[in-house]
Amino acid sequence: MMIKLKDFTLHAFDGTVIFQNANCSFSNDKLNFIIGKSGVGKSSLLAYLSGVPFETSGEVRFGQLQRSFKKMPELINHRKKVAYIPQSFNLFEYLTVEQNIKFYSSNKSTHFDDSQYEILLKKMNLLKKRDALVSELSIGEQQRVSVLRALTMKTPYILADEPTGNLDPENGKLIIEILEDFRKIFGATIIIVSHNYSEIPNHSKVVEIKNGKLILH
């Protein structure tokens, strides 16, 4: 499943141009990374692709579907197919880890896979935290829960905004490896915003936002 931008211009909420006339694609044959200095609009691009309305021009396609995010039925349909991992995690603090996971997964069209959930809990070192309240977790644990939530949704698209930003190097490497394994097994198109260039695998696709342009590395 490919995400394709054609002659695409993205504006910030204040009207300034983040980048313009971009032609770029993100596919599921490798992990995709978006890099760039702070404030250039990496998170804005990811938020837009998740369905947050921004002023734009040009064309965006998810597979064969052209998206504008201007009509509610389109937004509802789109958000069933996209798992978005924001920097703020968006977890319910007074629900347990398991309640958070199953609440979000219940809003997706795919069947909840209990065996996959158990495997991911173990891989992410969260097995003993499944019944803990989110408010009792460390920031790093909350970040891992937000990644776990996205993976259990089993959507064809995963958009991850700094998914390792609050993790130590060992856990950061683990999350990237898990995302790569998920891509290989389920064929998901995964886009990751990152400041940590050292965590980017050599075979990944890397796109930089710089000077109002999308630059392929």
N, C-alpha and C. Protein backbone atom coordinates (compact mmCIF):
# COMPACT_ATOMS: atom_id res chain seq x y z
N MET A 1 0.85 -1.19 0.00
CA MET A 1 0.00 0.00 0.00
C MET A 1 0.89 1.25 0.00
N MET A 2 0.68 2.11 -0.96
CA MET A 2 1.55 3.28 -1.12
C MET A 2 0.83 4.57 -0.77
N ILE A 3 1.56 5.48 -0.14
CA ILE A 3 1.10 6.86 0.05
C ILE A 3 1.85 7.71 -0.95
N LYS A 4 1.12 8.47 -1.74
CA LYS A 4 1.76 9.23 -2.82
C LYS A 4 1.33 10.69 -2.77
N LEU A 5 2.31 11.59 -2.78
CA LEU A 5 2.08 13.03 -2.85
C LEU A 5 2.42 13.51 -4.25
N LYS A 6 1.52 14.27 -4.86
CA LYS A 6 1.76 14.78 -6.21
C LYS A 6 1.51 16.29 -6.24
N ASP A 7 2.56 17.04 -6.62
CA ASP A 7 2.47 18.51 -6.67
C ASP A 7 1.82 19.03 -5.39
N PHE A 8 2.28 18.52 -4.27
CA PHE A 8 1.60 18.73 -2.99
C PHE A 8 2.25 19.87 -2.20
N THR A 9 1.41 20.79 -1.72
CA THR A 9 1.85 21.89 -0.87
C THR A 9 1.10 21.82 0.45
N LEU A 10 1.84 21.95 1.55
CA LEU A 10 1.26 21.88 2.89
C LEU A 10 1.50 23.19 3.63
N HIS A 11 0.42 23.75 4.18
CA HIS A 11 0.50 25.00 4.95
C HIS A 11 0.35 24.70 6.43
N ALA A 12 1.04 25.46 7.27
CA ALA A 12 0.85 25.41 8.71
C ALA A 12 -0.47 26.10 9.07
N PHE A 13 -0.89 25.95 10.32
CA PHE A 13 -2.15 26.56 10.74
C PHE A 13 -2.12 28.08 10.65
N ASP A 14 -0.92 28.68 10.73
CA ASP A 14 -0.82 30.14 10.63
C ASP A 14 -0.72 30.61 9.17
N GLY A 15 -0.80 29.67 8.23
CA GLY A 15 -0.80 30.02 6.81
C GLY A 15 0.54 29.95 6.12
N THR A 16 1.62 29.83 6.89
CA THR A 16 2.94 29.74 6.26
C THR A 16 3.10 28.40 5.53
N VAL A 17 3.93 28.41 4.49
CA VAL A 17 4.15 27.20 3.70
C VAL A 17 5.21 26.34 4.39
N ILE A 18 4.86 25.07 4.65
CA ILE A 18 5.81 24.12 5.22
C ILE A 18 6.71 23.58 4.11
N PHE A 19 6.11 23.12 3.02
CA PHE A 19 6.83 22.77 1.81
C PHE A 19 5.85 22.87 0.65
N GLN A 20 6.38 22.92 -0.55
CA GLN A 20 5.50 23.14 -1.69
C GLN A 20 5.92 22.30 -2.90
N ASN A 21 4.91 21.99 -3.74
CA ASN A 21 5.11 21.28 -5.00
C ASN A 21 5.91 19.99 -4.83
N ALA A 22 5.59 19.25 -3.78
CA ALA A 22 6.33 18.03 -3.49
C ALA A 22 5.77 16.84 -4.27
N ASN A 23 6.67 16.02 -4.76
CA ASN A 23 6.30 14.75 -5.40
C ASN A 23 7.10 13.66 -4.70
N CYS A 24 6.39 12.81 -3.99
CA CYS A 24 7.07 11.84 -3.14
C CYS A 24 6.13 10.67 -2.87
N SER A 25 6.70 9.50 -2.63
CA SER A 25 5.89 8.34 -2.30
C SER A 25 6.52 7.59 -1.14
N PHE A 26 5.66 6.92 -0.37
CA PHE A 26 6.08 6.09 0.76
C PHE A 26 5.44 4.72 0.57
N SER A 27 6.24 3.68 0.50
CA SER A 27 5.70 2.35 0.21
C SER A 27 5.98 1.40 1.38
N ASN A 28 5.49 0.18 1.24
CA ASN A 28 5.65 -0.81 2.31
C ASN A 28 6.83 -1.75 2.07
N ASP A 29 7.70 -1.44 1.11
CA ASP A 29 8.83 -2.33 0.85
C ASP A 29 10.03 -2.02 1.75
N LYS A 30 9.94 -0.95 2.53
CA LYS A 30 10.98 -0.60 3.51
C LYS A 30 10.39 0.41 4.49
N LEU A 31 11.05 0.61 5.63
CA LEU A 31 10.62 1.65 6.55
C LEU A 31 10.89 3.02 5.93
N ASN A 32 10.00 3.97 6.21
CA ASN A 32 10.13 5.34 5.72
C ASN A 32 10.39 6.28 6.89
N PHE A 33 11.41 7.12 6.77
CA PHE A 33 11.73 8.08 7.82
C PHE A 33 11.63 9.50 7.28
N ILE A 34 11.06 10.39 8.08
CA ILE A 34 11.03 11.82 7.78
C ILE A 34 11.93 12.51 8.79
N ILE A 35 12.92 13.26 8.29
CA ILE A 35 13.87 13.95 9.15
C ILE A 35 13.85 15.44 8.84
N GLY A 36 14.57 16.19 9.66
CA GLY A 36 14.65 17.64 9.48
C GLY A 36 14.80 18.32 10.82
N LYS A 37 15.20 19.58 10.81
CA LYS A 37 15.37 20.35 12.03
C LYS A 37 14.04 20.54 12.74
N SER A 38 14.11 20.86 14.01
CA SER A 38 12.90 21.13 14.79
C SER A 38 12.15 22.32 14.19
N GLY A 39 10.84 22.17 14.08
CA GLY A 39 10.01 23.27 13.61
C GLY A 39 9.82 23.35 12.11
N VAL A 40 10.38 22.39 11.35
CA VAL A 40 10.24 22.47 9.88
C VAL A 40 8.91 21.89 9.38
N GLY A 41 8.20 21.16 10.25
CA GLY A 41 6.89 20.67 9.85
C GLY A 41 6.76 19.16 9.72
N LYS A 42 7.70 18.42 10.29
CA LYS A 42 7.64 16.96 10.21
C LYS A 42 6.37 16.42 10.86
N SER A 43 6.08 16.90 12.06
CA SER A 43 4.89 16.44 12.78
C SER A 43 3.62 16.91 12.09
N SER A 44 3.65 18.07 11.48
CA SER A 44 2.47 18.58 10.76
C SER A 44 2.14 17.69 9.57
N LEU A 45 3.17 17.26 8.83
CA LEU A 45 2.93 16.37 7.71
C LEU A 45 2.33 15.05 8.19
N LEU A 46 2.88 14.49 9.25
CA LEU A 46 2.37 13.22 9.76
C LEU A 46 0.93 13.38 10.26
N ALA A 47 0.66 14.48 10.95
CA ALA A 47 -0.69 14.72 11.45
C ALA A 47 -1.68 14.85 10.28
N TYR A 48 -1.26 15.53 9.22
CA TYR A 48 -2.14 15.66 8.05
C TYR A 48 -2.44 14.29 7.45
N LEU A 49 -1.41 13.47 7.31
CA LEU A 49 -1.61 12.15 6.73
C LEU A 49 -2.50 11.27 7.60
N SER A 50 -2.56 11.58 8.90
CA SER A 50 -3.44 10.82 9.80
C SER A 50 -4.89 11.27 9.69
N GLY A 51 -5.11 12.45 9.04
CA GLY A 51 -6.47 12.94 8.87
C GLY A 51 -6.76 14.26 9.54
N VAL A 52 -5.75 14.92 10.11
CA VAL A 52 -5.94 16.25 10.70
C VAL A 52 -5.99 17.28 9.57
N PRO A 53 -7.06 18.06 9.46
CA PRO A 53 -7.17 18.99 8.32
C PRO A 53 -6.15 20.13 8.38
N PHE A 54 -5.44 20.34 7.28
CA PHE A 54 -4.56 21.48 7.07
C PHE A 54 -4.92 22.08 5.72
N GLU A 55 -4.52 23.33 5.50
CA GLU A 55 -4.67 23.91 4.17
C GLU A 55 -3.62 23.28 3.25
N THR A 56 -4.08 22.77 2.12
CA THR A 56 -3.18 22.09 1.19
C THR A 56 -3.57 22.38 -0.25
N SER A 57 -2.70 22.02 -1.16
CA SER A 57 -3.03 21.95 -2.59
C SER A 57 -2.27 20.78 -3.17
N GLY A 58 -2.70 20.31 -4.32
CA GLY A 58 -2.10 19.13 -4.91
C GLY A 58 -2.90 17.89 -4.55
N GLU A 59 -2.25 16.75 -4.66
CA GLU A 59 -2.95 15.47 -4.54
C GLU A 59 -2.26 14.55 -3.55
N VAL A 60 -3.07 13.87 -2.74
CA VAL A 60 -2.58 12.83 -1.83
C VAL A 60 -3.38 11.56 -2.07
N ARG A 61 -2.68 10.45 -2.26
CA ARG A 61 -3.36 9.17 -2.45
C ARG A 61 -2.86 8.13 -1.45
N PHE A 62 -3.79 7.39 -0.90
CA PHE A 62 -3.49 6.22 -0.09
C PHE A 62 -3.94 5.01 -0.92
N GLY A 63 -2.98 4.31 -1.50
CA GLY A 63 -3.34 3.29 -2.47
C GLY A 63 -4.00 3.96 -3.66
N GLN A 64 -5.19 3.49 -4.02
CA GLN A 64 -5.93 4.08 -5.14
C GLN A 64 -6.86 5.20 -4.71
N LEU A 65 -6.95 5.46 -3.42
CA LEU A 65 -7.91 6.44 -2.91
C LEU A 65 -7.29 7.82 -2.78
N GLN A 66 -7.87 8.80 -3.44
CA GLN A 66 -7.43 10.19 -3.27
C GLN A 66 -8.08 10.74 -2.01
N ARG A 67 -7.29 11.44 -1.20
CA ARG A 67 -7.78 11.96 0.07
C ARG A 67 -7.70 13.48 0.12
N SER A 68 -8.74 14.11 0.68
CA SER A 68 -8.72 15.55 0.91
C SER A 68 -9.00 15.88 2.37
N PHE A 69 -9.62 14.94 3.10
CA PHE A 69 -9.94 15.09 4.52
C PHE A 69 -10.88 16.26 4.79
N LYS A 70 -11.77 16.53 3.86
CA LYS A 70 -12.69 17.67 4.01
C LYS A 70 -14.12 17.23 4.32
N LYS A 71 -14.40 15.93 4.19
CA LYS A 71 -15.75 15.44 4.46
C LYS A 71 -15.69 14.37 5.55
N MET A 72 -16.65 14.43 6.47
CA MET A 72 -16.63 13.54 7.63
C MET A 72 -16.65 12.06 7.26
N PRO A 73 -17.47 11.60 6.30
CA PRO A 73 -17.43 10.17 5.96
C PRO A 73 -16.05 9.71 5.49
N GLU A 74 -15.37 10.57 4.74
CA GLU A 74 -14.02 10.24 4.28
C GLU A 74 -13.06 10.14 5.46
N LEU A 75 -13.16 11.07 6.40
CA LEU A 75 -12.30 11.06 7.58
C LEU A 75 -12.52 9.81 8.41
N ILE A 76 -13.77 9.46 8.63
CA ILE A 76 -14.10 8.28 9.44
C ILE A 76 -13.52 7.03 8.79
N ASN A 77 -13.70 6.90 7.49
CA ASN A 77 -13.17 5.75 6.76
C ASN A 77 -11.65 5.71 6.81
N HIS A 78 -11.03 6.87 6.64
CA HIS A 78 -9.57 6.95 6.63
C HIS A 78 -8.98 6.55 7.97
N ARG A 79 -9.58 7.04 9.05
CA ARG A 79 -9.01 6.79 10.38
C ARG A 79 -9.16 5.34 10.83
N LYS A 80 -10.00 4.59 10.14
CA LYS A 80 -10.09 3.16 10.41
C LYS A 80 -8.91 2.41 9.80
N LYS A 81 -8.22 3.06 8.89
CA LYS A 81 -7.13 2.39 8.16
C LYS A 81 -5.75 2.91 8.55
N VAL A 82 -5.72 3.87 9.45
CA VAL A 82 -4.45 4.49 9.84
C VAL A 82 -4.29 4.43 11.36
N ALA A 83 -3.13 3.96 11.80
CA ALA A 83 -2.78 4.02 13.22
C ALA A 83 -1.75 5.13 13.40
N TYR A 84 -2.09 6.10 14.22
CA TYR A 84 -1.25 7.29 14.41
C TYR A 84 -0.67 7.26 15.81
N ILE A 85 0.64 7.39 15.91
CA ILE A 85 1.34 7.42 17.20
C ILE A 85 1.84 8.83 17.43
N PRO A 86 1.09 9.67 18.17
CA PRO A 86 1.53 11.06 18.38
C PRO A 86 2.57 11.15 19.49
N GLN A 87 3.28 12.25 19.53
CA GLN A 87 4.28 12.44 20.58
C GLN A 87 3.64 12.48 21.96
N SER A 88 2.38 12.91 22.04
CA SER A 88 1.70 13.03 23.33
C SER A 88 1.07 11.73 23.81
N PHE A 89 1.19 10.65 23.02
CA PHE A 89 0.73 9.29 23.34
C PHE A 89 -0.79 9.13 23.24
N ASN A 90 -1.58 10.10 23.77
CA ASN A 90 -3.05 10.02 23.72
C ASN A 90 -3.60 8.76 24.37
N LEU A 91 -3.09 8.45 25.55
CA LEU A 91 -3.59 7.32 26.33
C LEU A 91 -4.54 7.81 27.42
N PHE A 92 -5.45 6.93 27.83
CA PHE A 92 -6.32 7.24 28.97
C PHE A 92 -5.56 6.87 30.25
N GLU A 93 -5.20 7.88 31.05
CA GLU A 93 -4.32 7.67 32.20
C GLU A 93 -4.93 6.78 33.28
N TYR A 94 -6.27 6.80 33.41
CA TYR A 94 -6.90 6.05 34.49
C TYR A 94 -7.57 4.77 33.99
N LEU A 95 -7.11 4.30 32.84
CA LEU A 95 -7.40 2.95 32.39
C LEU A 95 -6.10 2.15 32.41
N THR A 96 -6.20 0.85 32.48
CA THR A 96 -5.01 0.01 32.46
C THR A 96 -4.43 -0.05 31.05
N VAL A 97 -3.23 -0.60 30.96
CA VAL A 97 -2.60 -0.79 29.65
C VAL A 97 -3.53 -1.61 28.75
N GLU A 98 -4.01 -2.72 29.25
CA GLU A 98 -4.85 -3.60 28.43
C GLU A 98 -6.16 -2.93 28.04
N GLN A 99 -6.76 -2.16 28.94
CA GLN A 99 -8.00 -1.46 28.62
C GLN A 99 -7.77 -0.41 27.53
N ASN A 100 -6.64 0.27 27.60
CA ASN A 100 -6.30 1.24 26.55
C ASN A 100 -6.17 0.56 25.20
N ILE A 101 -5.45 -0.55 25.18
CA ILE A 101 -5.21 -1.26 23.92
C ILE A 101 -6.53 -1.73 23.31
N LYS A 102 -7.35 -2.35 24.12
CA LYS A 102 -8.58 -2.95 23.59
C LYS A 102 -9.64 -1.91 23.27
N PHE A 103 -9.61 -0.77 23.96
CA PHE A 103 -10.55 0.31 23.64
C PHE A 103 -10.29 0.83 22.23
N TYR A 104 -9.05 1.15 21.94
CA TYR A 104 -8.73 1.70 20.62
C TYR A 104 -8.93 0.66 19.52
N SER A 105 -8.56 -0.58 19.80
CA SER A 105 -8.70 -1.62 18.79
C SER A 105 -10.16 -1.91 18.48
N SER A 106 -11.05 -1.67 19.44
CA SER A 106 -12.48 -1.92 19.20
C SER A 106 -13.07 -0.97 18.16
N ASN A 107 -12.37 0.14 17.90
CA ASN A 107 -12.85 1.11 16.92
C ASN A 107 -12.35 0.83 15.51
N LYS A 108 -11.59 -0.24 15.34
CA LYS A 108 -11.06 -0.61 14.03
C LYS A 108 -11.86 -1.77 13.45
N SER A 109 -11.76 -1.92 12.15
CA SER A 109 -12.55 -2.94 11.46
C SER A 109 -11.92 -4.33 11.56
N THR A 110 -10.64 -4.41 11.93
CA THR A 110 -9.97 -5.70 11.99
C THR A 110 -10.24 -6.40 13.33
N HIS A 111 -10.22 -7.73 13.32
CA HIS A 111 -10.44 -8.52 14.52
C HIS A 111 -9.23 -8.40 15.45
N PHE A 112 -9.48 -8.26 16.75
CA PHE A 112 -8.38 -8.16 17.71
C PHE A 112 -7.67 -9.50 17.81
N ASP A 113 -6.36 -9.49 17.63
CA ASP A 113 -5.55 -10.70 17.62
C ASP A 113 -4.89 -10.88 18.99
N ASP A 114 -5.50 -11.73 19.83
CA ASP A 114 -4.98 -11.91 21.19
C ASP A 114 -3.58 -12.50 21.20
N SER A 115 -3.31 -13.44 20.31
CA SER A 115 -1.98 -14.06 20.30
C SER A 115 -0.90 -13.05 19.90
N GLN A 116 -1.20 -12.20 18.91
CA GLN A 116 -0.26 -11.16 18.51
C GLN A 116 -0.05 -10.16 19.64
N TYR A 117 -1.11 -9.84 20.34
CA TYR A 117 -1.04 -8.93 21.49
C TYR A 117 -0.09 -9.47 22.56
N GLU A 118 -0.22 -10.77 22.87
CA GLU A 118 0.63 -11.38 23.89
C GLU A 118 2.10 -11.37 23.45
N ILE A 119 2.34 -11.64 22.18
CA ILE A 119 3.71 -11.63 21.66
C ILE A 119 4.33 -10.24 21.79
N LEU A 120 3.55 -9.22 21.41
CA LEU A 120 4.07 -7.85 21.46
C LEU A 120 4.27 -7.37 22.90
N LEU A 121 3.37 -7.75 23.80
CA LEU A 121 3.55 -7.41 25.22
C LEU A 121 4.90 -7.91 25.72
N LYS A 122 5.21 -9.14 25.36
CA LYS A 122 6.47 -9.74 25.80
C LYS A 122 7.66 -9.07 25.15
N LYS A 123 7.59 -8.84 23.84
CA LYS A 123 8.71 -8.22 23.12
C LYS A 123 9.02 -6.83 23.65
N MET A 124 7.97 -6.09 24.05
CA MET A 124 8.15 -4.72 24.50
C MET A 124 8.38 -4.61 26.00
N ASN A 125 8.58 -5.76 26.65
CA ASN A 125 8.83 -5.77 28.10
C ASN A 125 7.70 -5.12 28.88
N LEU A 126 6.46 -5.39 28.47
CA LEU A 126 5.28 -4.81 29.12
C LEU A 126 4.37 -5.88 29.72
N LEU A 127 4.81 -7.12 29.72
CA LEU A 127 3.97 -8.22 30.17
C LEU A 127 3.49 -8.02 31.60
N LYS A 128 4.37 -7.54 32.46
CA LYS A 128 4.01 -7.34 33.87
C LYS A 128 3.26 -6.03 34.10
N LYS A 129 3.08 -5.24 33.04
CA LYS A 129 2.42 -3.94 33.18
C LYS A 129 1.00 -3.94 32.60
N ARG A 130 0.54 -5.07 32.10
CA ARG A 130 -0.73 -5.10 31.37
C ARG A 130 -1.91 -4.62 32.22
N ASP A 131 -1.86 -4.87 33.55
CA ASP A 131 -2.96 -4.48 34.43
C ASP A 131 -2.66 -3.22 35.22
N ALA A 132 -1.54 -2.57 34.89
CA ALA A 132 -1.18 -1.32 35.57
C ALA A 132 -1.91 -0.15 34.93
N LEU A 133 -2.28 0.84 35.74
CA LEU A 133 -2.85 2.07 35.20
C LEU A 133 -1.77 2.82 34.41
N VAL A 134 -2.16 3.45 33.34
CA VAL A 134 -1.21 4.23 32.55
C VAL A 134 -0.55 5.31 33.40
N SER A 135 -1.31 5.88 34.34
CA SER A 135 -0.77 6.95 35.20
C SER A 135 0.36 6.44 36.11
N GLU A 136 0.47 5.12 36.26
CA GLU A 136 1.51 4.54 37.10
C GLU A 136 2.78 4.19 36.31
N LEU A 137 2.72 4.36 35.01
CA LEU A 137 3.85 3.99 34.15
C LEU A 137 4.84 5.13 34.00
N SER A 138 6.08 4.79 33.71
CA SER A 138 7.08 5.80 33.35
C SER A 138 6.76 6.35 31.96
N ILE A 139 7.38 7.46 31.61
CA ILE A 139 7.16 8.05 30.28
C ILE A 139 7.60 7.08 29.19
N GLY A 140 8.72 6.40 29.40
CA GLY A 140 9.19 5.43 28.42
C GLY A 140 8.22 4.27 28.24
N GLU A 141 7.64 3.81 29.35
CA GLU A 141 6.66 2.73 29.27
C GLU A 141 5.40 3.19 28.55
N GLN A 142 4.97 4.41 28.81
CA GLN A 142 3.80 4.95 28.11
C GLN A 142 4.06 5.03 26.61
N GLN A 143 5.27 5.40 26.24
CA GLN A 143 5.60 5.47 24.82
C GLN A 143 5.53 4.10 24.18
N ARG A 144 6.02 3.10 24.87
CA ARG A 144 5.94 1.73 24.33
C ARG A 144 4.50 1.26 24.22
N VAL A 145 3.66 1.65 25.17
CA VAL A 145 2.24 1.29 25.10
C VAL A 145 1.58 1.94 23.88
N SER A 146 1.95 3.18 23.58
CA SER A 146 1.37 3.85 22.42
C SER A 146 1.75 3.15 21.12
N VAL A 147 2.98 2.62 21.05
CA VAL A 147 3.40 1.86 19.87
C VAL A 147 2.66 0.52 19.83
N LEU A 148 2.55 -0.13 20.98
CA LEU A 148 1.82 -1.40 21.07
C LEU A 148 0.38 -1.23 20.61
N ARG A 149 -0.26 -0.16 21.05
CA ARG A 149 -1.65 0.13 20.65
C ARG A 149 -1.76 0.20 19.13
N ALA A 150 -0.85 0.92 18.50
CA ALA A 150 -0.90 1.07 17.04
C ALA A 150 -0.73 -0.26 16.32
N LEU A 151 0.17 -1.09 16.82
CA LEU A 151 0.42 -2.37 16.15
C LEU A 151 -0.75 -3.33 16.30
N THR A 152 -1.42 -3.32 17.45
CA THR A 152 -2.54 -4.23 17.64
C THR A 152 -3.75 -3.84 16.79
N MET A 153 -3.78 -2.61 16.30
CA MET A 153 -4.87 -2.20 15.40
C MET A 153 -4.75 -2.88 14.03
N LYS A 154 -3.53 -3.30 13.67
CA LYS A 154 -3.28 -4.02 12.40
C LYS A 154 -3.86 -3.27 11.20
N THR A 155 -3.58 -1.99 11.14
CA THR A 155 -4.01 -1.17 10.00
C THR A 155 -2.96 -1.23 8.89
N PRO A 156 -3.35 -0.91 7.66
CA PRO A 156 -2.37 -0.94 6.56
C PRO A 156 -1.38 0.21 6.59
N TYR A 157 -1.66 1.24 7.40
CA TYR A 157 -0.76 2.40 7.50
C TYR A 157 -0.49 2.71 8.97
N ILE A 158 0.79 2.94 9.30
CA ILE A 158 1.19 3.34 10.65
C ILE A 158 2.04 4.60 10.53
N LEU A 159 1.65 5.64 11.25
CA LEU A 159 2.35 6.92 11.24
C LEU A 159 2.86 7.19 12.65
N ALA A 160 4.17 7.19 12.81
CA ALA A 160 4.77 7.26 14.14
C ALA A 160 5.59 8.54 14.30
N ASP A 161 5.17 9.40 15.21
CA ASP A 161 5.85 10.68 15.46
C ASP A 161 6.80 10.54 16.64
N GLU A 162 8.08 10.43 16.35
CA GLU A 162 9.13 10.28 17.37
C GLU A 162 8.82 9.11 18.31
N PRO A 163 8.61 7.89 17.81
CA PRO A 163 8.20 6.78 18.68
C PRO A 163 9.28 6.30 19.64
N THR A 164 10.52 6.78 19.48
CA THR A 164 11.60 6.39 20.39
C THR A 164 12.13 7.59 21.17
N GLY A 165 11.44 8.72 21.10
CA GLY A 165 11.96 9.97 21.67
C GLY A 165 12.20 9.94 23.16
N ASN A 166 11.46 9.09 23.91
CA ASN A 166 11.62 9.04 25.36
C ASN A 166 12.22 7.71 25.83
N LEU A 167 12.85 7.01 24.92
CA LEU A 167 13.39 5.69 25.23
C LEU A 167 14.91 5.70 25.28
N ASP A 168 15.47 4.81 26.08
CA ASP A 168 16.91 4.63 26.09
C ASP A 168 17.33 3.94 24.79
N PRO A 169 18.62 3.98 24.44
CA PRO A 169 19.05 3.42 23.15
C PRO A 169 18.63 1.97 22.93
N GLU A 170 18.68 1.15 23.98
CA GLU A 170 18.32 -0.26 23.83
C GLU A 170 16.85 -0.43 23.45
N ASN A 171 15.96 0.26 24.18
CA ASN A 171 14.54 0.16 23.88
C ASN A 171 14.19 0.86 22.57
N GLY A 172 14.91 1.94 22.26
CA GLY A 172 14.70 2.62 20.98
C GLY A 172 15.00 1.70 19.81
N LYS A 173 16.12 1.00 19.89
CA LYS A 173 16.49 0.04 18.84
C LYS A 173 15.45 -1.08 18.75
N LEU A 174 14.96 -1.52 19.91
CA LEU A 174 13.96 -2.59 19.94
C LEU A 174 12.69 -2.18 19.21
N ILE A 175 12.23 -0.94 19.44
CA ILE A 175 11.00 -0.47 18.80
C ILE A 175 11.15 -0.42 17.29
N ILE A 176 12.28 0.08 16.81
CA ILE A 176 12.51 0.13 15.36
C ILE A 176 12.52 -1.28 14.78
N GLU A 177 13.14 -2.22 15.48
CA GLU A 177 13.18 -3.62 15.02
C GLU A 177 11.78 -4.22 14.97
N ILE A 178 10.95 -3.91 15.98
CA ILE A 178 9.58 -4.43 16.02
C ILE A 178 8.76 -3.84 14.88
N LEU A 179 8.92 -2.55 14.62
CA LEU A 179 8.21 -1.93 13.50
C LEU A 179 8.63 -2.54 12.17
N GLU A 180 9.91 -2.81 12.03
CA GLU A 180 10.41 -3.43 10.80
C GLU A 180 9.85 -4.84 10.64
N ASP A 181 9.82 -5.61 11.73
CA ASP A 181 9.25 -6.97 11.67
C ASP A 181 7.78 -6.91 11.30
N PHE A 182 7.05 -5.95 11.88
CA PHE A 182 5.62 -5.81 11.59
C PHE A 182 5.41 -5.49 10.11
N ARG A 183 6.24 -4.61 9.57
CA ARG A 183 6.15 -4.27 8.14
C ARG A 183 6.33 -5.51 7.27
N LYS A 184 7.33 -6.31 7.60
CA LYS A 184 7.62 -7.50 6.81
C LYS A 184 6.49 -8.52 6.88
N ILE A 185 5.93 -8.71 8.08
CA ILE A 185 4.91 -9.74 8.27
C ILE A 185 3.56 -9.33 7.71
N PHE A 186 3.15 -8.08 7.97
CA PHE A 186 1.80 -7.65 7.63
C PHE A 186 1.73 -6.71 6.42
N GLY A 187 2.89 -6.28 5.90
CA GLY A 187 2.90 -5.45 4.71
C GLY A 187 2.39 -4.04 4.93
N ALA A 188 2.51 -3.54 6.16
CA ALA A 188 2.05 -2.18 6.46
C ALA A 188 3.03 -1.15 5.92
N THR A 189 2.49 -0.01 5.48
CA THR A 189 3.31 1.14 5.13
C THR A 189 3.53 1.95 6.40
N ILE A 190 4.79 2.12 6.78
CA ILE A 190 5.13 2.75 8.06
C ILE A 190 6.00 3.98 7.80
N ILE A 191 5.56 5.13 8.34
CA ILE A 191 6.34 6.37 8.25
C ILE A 191 6.69 6.80 9.67
N ILE A 192 7.97 7.08 9.89
CA ILE A 192 8.48 7.43 11.22
C ILE A 192 9.16 8.79 11.15
N VAL A 193 8.72 9.71 11.99
CA VAL A 193 9.43 10.97 12.17
C VAL A 193 10.51 10.75 13.22
N SER A 194 11.73 11.20 12.93
CA SER A 194 12.83 10.94 13.85
C SER A 194 13.84 12.09 13.87
N HIS A 195 14.39 12.33 15.07
CA HIS A 195 15.54 13.22 15.22
C HIS A 195 16.83 12.41 15.38
N ASN A 196 16.67 11.13 15.71
CA ASN A 196 17.82 10.29 16.01
C ASN A 196 18.24 9.54 14.74
N TYR A 197 19.12 10.15 13.98
CA TYR A 197 19.51 9.57 12.70
C TYR A 197 20.24 8.24 12.85
N SER A 198 20.87 8.02 14.01
CA SER A 198 21.62 6.79 14.21
C SER A 198 20.72 5.57 14.30
N GLU A 199 19.41 5.76 14.57
CA GLU A 199 18.50 4.63 14.70
C GLU A 199 17.92 4.20 13.35
N ILE A 200 18.20 4.96 12.29
CA ILE A 200 17.61 4.66 10.99
C ILE A 200 18.38 3.52 10.31
N PRO A 201 17.72 2.38 10.04
CA PRO A 201 18.41 1.28 9.35
C PRO A 201 18.92 1.70 7.98
N ASN A 202 20.00 1.12 7.55
CA ASN A 202 20.66 1.52 6.30
C ASN A 202 19.77 1.40 5.07
N HIS A 203 18.89 0.43 5.06
CA HIS A 203 18.09 0.17 3.86
C HIS A 203 16.79 0.98 3.82
N SER A 204 16.59 1.89 4.77
CA SER A 204 15.34 2.65 4.86
C SER A 204 15.27 3.76 3.81
N LYS A 205 14.04 4.22 3.54
CA LYS A 205 13.86 5.41 2.72
C LYS A 205 13.85 6.62 3.65
N VAL A 206 14.63 7.64 3.32
CA VAL A 206 14.75 8.83 4.17
C VAL A 206 14.39 10.07 3.36
N VAL A 207 13.42 10.83 3.88
CA VAL A 207 12.98 12.07 3.25
C VAL A 207 13.19 13.20 4.25
N GLU A 208 13.84 14.27 3.81
CA GLU A 208 14.11 15.41 4.67
C GLU A 208 13.26 16.61 4.25
N ILE A 209 12.68 17.29 5.25
CA ILE A 209 12.02 18.57 5.00
C ILE A 209 13.05 19.68 5.24
N LYS A 210 13.38 20.42 4.19
CA LYS A 210 14.43 21.44 4.29
C LYS A 210 14.17 22.55 3.29
N ASN A 211 14.21 23.78 3.77
CA ASN A 211 14.04 24.95 2.90
C ASN A 211 12.77 24.89 2.07
N GLY A 212 11.69 24.41 2.70
CA GLY A 212 10.39 24.38 2.03
C GLY A 212 10.25 23.30 0.97
N LYS A 213 11.12 22.28 1.06
CA LYS A 213 11.05 21.20 0.06
C LYS A 213 11.14 19.85 0.76
N LEU A 214 10.69 18.80 0.08
CA LEU A 214 10.93 17.43 0.49
C LEU A 214 12.11 16.90 -0.31
N ILE A 215 13.17 16.49 0.38
CA ILE A 215 14.39 16.06 -0.27
C ILE A 215 14.63 14.58 0.03
N LEU A 216 14.75 13.78 -1.02
CA LEU A 216 15.00 12.35 -0.87
C LEU A 216 16.49 12.11 -0.70
N HIS A 217 16.86 11.34 0.34
CA HIS A 217 18.27 11.02 0.59
C HIS A 217 18.59 9.64 0.06
